[in-house]
N, C-alpha and C. Protein backbone atom coordinates (compact mmCIF):
# COMPACT_ATOMS: atom_id res chain seq x y z
N MET A 1 109.46 49.23 -2.60
CA MET A 1 109.57 47.94 -1.98
C MET A 1 108.19 47.29 -1.97
N ALA A 2 108.19 45.99 -2.03
CA ALA A 2 106.95 45.23 -1.93
C ALA A 2 107.26 43.97 -1.13
N LEU A 3 106.22 43.41 -0.54
CA LEU A 3 106.41 42.15 0.17
C LEU A 3 105.11 41.36 0.14
N PRO A 4 105.25 40.05 0.06
CA PRO A 4 104.05 39.22 0.12
C PRO A 4 103.52 39.17 1.55
N VAL A 5 102.21 39.06 1.67
CA VAL A 5 101.58 38.99 2.99
C VAL A 5 100.63 37.80 3.02
N LYS A 6 100.75 36.98 4.06
CA LYS A 6 99.82 35.89 4.27
C LYS A 6 98.95 36.25 5.47
N THR A 7 97.64 36.05 5.31
CA THR A 7 96.73 36.39 6.41
C THR A 7 96.03 35.16 6.98
N ALA A 8 96.24 34.00 6.38
CA ALA A 8 95.62 32.78 6.90
C ALA A 8 96.33 32.39 8.20
N GLY A 9 95.57 32.33 9.28
CA GLY A 9 96.14 31.94 10.56
C GLY A 9 96.94 33.05 11.22
N GLY A 10 96.73 34.27 10.83
CA GLY A 10 97.47 35.41 11.41
C GLY A 10 98.18 36.20 10.33
N PHE A 11 98.78 37.27 10.75
CA PHE A 11 99.49 38.15 9.82
C PHE A 11 100.93 37.69 9.70
N ASP A 12 101.35 37.36 8.47
CA ASP A 12 102.70 36.86 8.23
C ASP A 12 103.31 37.61 7.05
N PRO A 13 104.08 38.70 7.32
CA PRO A 13 104.71 39.43 6.22
C PRO A 13 105.91 38.66 5.68
N GLY A 14 106.05 38.68 4.37
CA GLY A 14 107.19 38.01 3.75
C GLY A 14 108.42 38.91 3.69
N VAL A 15 109.36 38.54 2.86
CA VAL A 15 110.61 39.27 2.72
C VAL A 15 110.42 40.42 1.71
N PRO A 16 110.78 41.64 2.06
CA PRO A 16 110.64 42.76 1.13
C PRO A 16 111.58 42.61 -0.06
N VAL A 17 111.10 43.03 -1.23
CA VAL A 17 111.93 43.04 -2.44
C VAL A 17 111.83 44.42 -3.08
N GLU A 18 112.90 44.83 -3.74
CA GLU A 18 112.93 46.12 -4.41
C GLU A 18 112.16 46.03 -5.72
N LEU A 19 111.26 46.98 -5.95
CA LEU A 19 110.50 47.01 -7.20
C LEU A 19 111.27 47.69 -8.31
N PHE A 20 111.86 48.84 -8.02
CA PHE A 20 112.63 49.60 -9.00
C PHE A 20 113.43 50.66 -8.28
N GLN A 21 114.38 51.29 -9.00
CA GLN A 21 115.18 52.36 -8.43
C GLN A 21 114.79 53.68 -9.09
N THR A 22 114.83 54.75 -8.33
CA THR A 22 114.55 56.08 -8.86
C THR A 22 115.58 57.07 -8.35
N SER A 23 115.60 58.22 -8.98
CA SER A 23 116.40 59.35 -8.52
C SER A 23 115.44 60.52 -8.33
N PRO A 24 114.70 60.54 -7.22
CA PRO A 24 113.69 61.57 -7.04
C PRO A 24 114.28 62.96 -7.06
N LYS A 25 113.55 63.88 -7.65
CA LYS A 25 113.94 65.29 -7.70
C LYS A 25 113.80 65.89 -6.31
N GLU A 26 114.77 66.72 -5.93
CA GLU A 26 114.70 67.37 -4.63
C GLU A 26 113.60 68.43 -4.64
N THR A 27 112.89 68.53 -3.56
CA THR A 27 111.83 69.53 -3.44
C THR A 27 112.48 70.90 -3.29
N VAL A 28 112.07 71.86 -4.16
CA VAL A 28 112.64 73.20 -4.08
C VAL A 28 111.59 74.25 -3.75
N ALA A 29 110.33 73.89 -3.77
CA ALA A 29 109.26 74.84 -3.46
C ALA A 29 108.23 74.16 -2.56
N THR A 30 107.54 74.96 -1.77
CA THR A 30 106.52 74.39 -0.88
C THR A 30 105.34 73.83 -1.66
N SER A 31 105.19 74.24 -2.92
CA SER A 31 104.10 73.71 -3.74
C SER A 31 104.40 72.30 -4.23
N GLU A 32 105.65 71.87 -4.13
CA GLU A 32 106.04 70.52 -4.55
C GLU A 32 105.97 69.57 -3.36
N GLN A 33 104.78 69.17 -3.00
CA GLN A 33 104.62 68.34 -1.81
C GLN A 33 104.79 66.85 -2.10
N PHE A 34 104.57 66.44 -3.33
CA PHE A 34 104.61 65.01 -3.65
C PHE A 34 105.60 64.77 -4.78
N ILE A 35 106.46 63.76 -4.63
CA ILE A 35 107.41 63.44 -5.69
C ILE A 35 106.97 62.21 -6.47
N TYR A 36 105.85 61.58 -6.07
CA TYR A 36 105.36 60.43 -6.81
C TYR A 36 103.85 60.33 -6.65
N ASP A 37 103.24 59.53 -7.52
CA ASP A 37 101.82 59.23 -7.41
C ASP A 37 101.61 57.80 -7.91
N VAL A 38 100.56 57.18 -7.47
CA VAL A 38 100.25 55.80 -7.85
C VAL A 38 99.02 55.81 -8.75
N ASP A 39 99.10 55.06 -9.86
CA ASP A 39 97.98 54.91 -10.78
C ASP A 39 96.80 54.29 -10.02
N PRO A 40 95.57 54.68 -10.36
CA PRO A 40 94.41 54.11 -9.66
C PRO A 40 94.36 52.57 -9.68
N SER A 41 94.96 51.97 -10.71
CA SER A 41 94.97 50.51 -10.78
C SER A 41 95.97 49.90 -9.79
N GLY A 42 96.89 50.73 -9.29
CA GLY A 42 97.91 50.22 -8.38
C GLY A 42 99.03 49.50 -9.10
N GLN A 43 99.05 49.54 -10.43
CA GLN A 43 100.04 48.82 -11.21
C GLN A 43 101.16 49.71 -11.76
N LYS A 44 100.98 51.04 -11.68
CA LYS A 44 101.98 51.95 -12.24
C LYS A 44 102.26 53.08 -11.26
N PHE A 45 103.47 53.66 -11.37
CA PHE A 45 103.87 54.79 -10.57
C PHE A 45 104.33 55.92 -11.49
N LEU A 46 104.09 57.14 -11.09
CA LEU A 46 104.62 58.32 -11.76
C LEU A 46 105.56 58.98 -10.75
N VAL A 47 106.84 59.10 -11.12
CA VAL A 47 107.84 59.63 -10.20
C VAL A 47 108.49 60.84 -10.84
N ASN A 48 108.50 61.97 -10.12
CA ASN A 48 109.17 63.17 -10.58
C ASN A 48 110.66 62.99 -10.29
N THR A 49 111.44 62.76 -11.35
CA THR A 49 112.86 62.44 -11.17
C THR A 49 113.76 63.51 -11.76
N GLN A 50 115.02 63.43 -11.40
CA GLN A 50 116.02 64.31 -11.96
C GLN A 50 116.41 63.81 -13.33
N GLU A 51 116.69 64.75 -14.22
CA GLU A 51 117.15 64.37 -15.55
C GLU A 51 118.61 63.98 -15.47
N HIS A 52 118.94 62.87 -16.12
CA HIS A 52 120.33 62.42 -16.16
C HIS A 52 120.96 62.99 -17.42
N ASN A 53 122.03 63.74 -17.24
CA ASN A 53 122.69 64.38 -18.38
C ASN A 53 123.65 63.41 -19.05
N THR A 54 123.11 62.54 -19.88
CA THR A 54 123.95 61.64 -20.65
C THR A 54 124.00 62.16 -22.08
N LEU A 55 125.17 62.24 -22.61
CA LEU A 55 125.33 62.76 -23.96
C LEU A 55 124.83 61.75 -24.98
N GLN A 56 124.05 62.25 -25.90
CA GLN A 56 123.52 61.42 -26.98
C GLN A 56 123.99 62.03 -28.30
N PRO A 57 124.32 61.20 -29.28
CA PRO A 57 124.75 61.75 -30.56
C PRO A 57 123.60 62.47 -31.25
N MET A 58 123.94 63.51 -31.98
CA MET A 58 122.94 64.28 -32.71
C MET A 58 123.26 64.20 -34.21
N THR A 59 122.24 63.98 -35.01
CA THR A 59 122.40 63.95 -36.46
C THR A 59 121.78 65.21 -37.03
N VAL A 60 122.56 65.94 -37.82
CA VAL A 60 122.06 67.14 -38.47
C VAL A 60 121.98 66.87 -39.96
N VAL A 61 120.81 67.04 -40.53
CA VAL A 61 120.62 66.81 -41.96
C VAL A 61 120.54 68.17 -42.63
N LEU A 62 121.48 68.45 -43.53
CA LEU A 62 121.52 69.71 -44.23
C LEU A 62 120.86 69.59 -45.60
N ARG A 63 120.22 70.64 -46.05
CA ARG A 63 119.58 70.71 -47.37
C ARG A 63 118.60 69.55 -47.58
N TRP A 64 117.83 69.20 -46.57
CA TRP A 64 116.93 68.06 -46.66
C TRP A 64 115.79 68.29 -47.65
N ALA A 65 115.47 69.53 -47.94
CA ALA A 65 114.36 69.82 -48.87
C ALA A 65 114.82 69.91 -50.33
N GLU A 66 116.13 69.87 -50.59
CA GLU A 66 116.62 69.96 -51.97
C GLU A 66 116.40 68.66 -52.70
N LYS A 67 116.12 68.78 -53.99
CA LYS A 67 115.97 67.59 -54.85
C LYS A 67 117.28 67.37 -55.60
N LYS A 68 117.58 66.13 -55.88
CA LYS A 68 118.79 65.81 -56.64
C LYS A 68 118.52 65.85 -58.10
């Protein structure tokens, strides 16, 4: 979430907006303390997410090294 903030004449927070959606991975070990990190520039996020099992077609090329 993000929101605009005006500070002229006092603190005036704007309306929050959703930046993006994620499916964070559930923590399974005590060593997994963080599920995300922010780039030093503040412009990018790295999120440890669950893999979505969507089937993708696979192409198998047989005898690819043979010459005609």
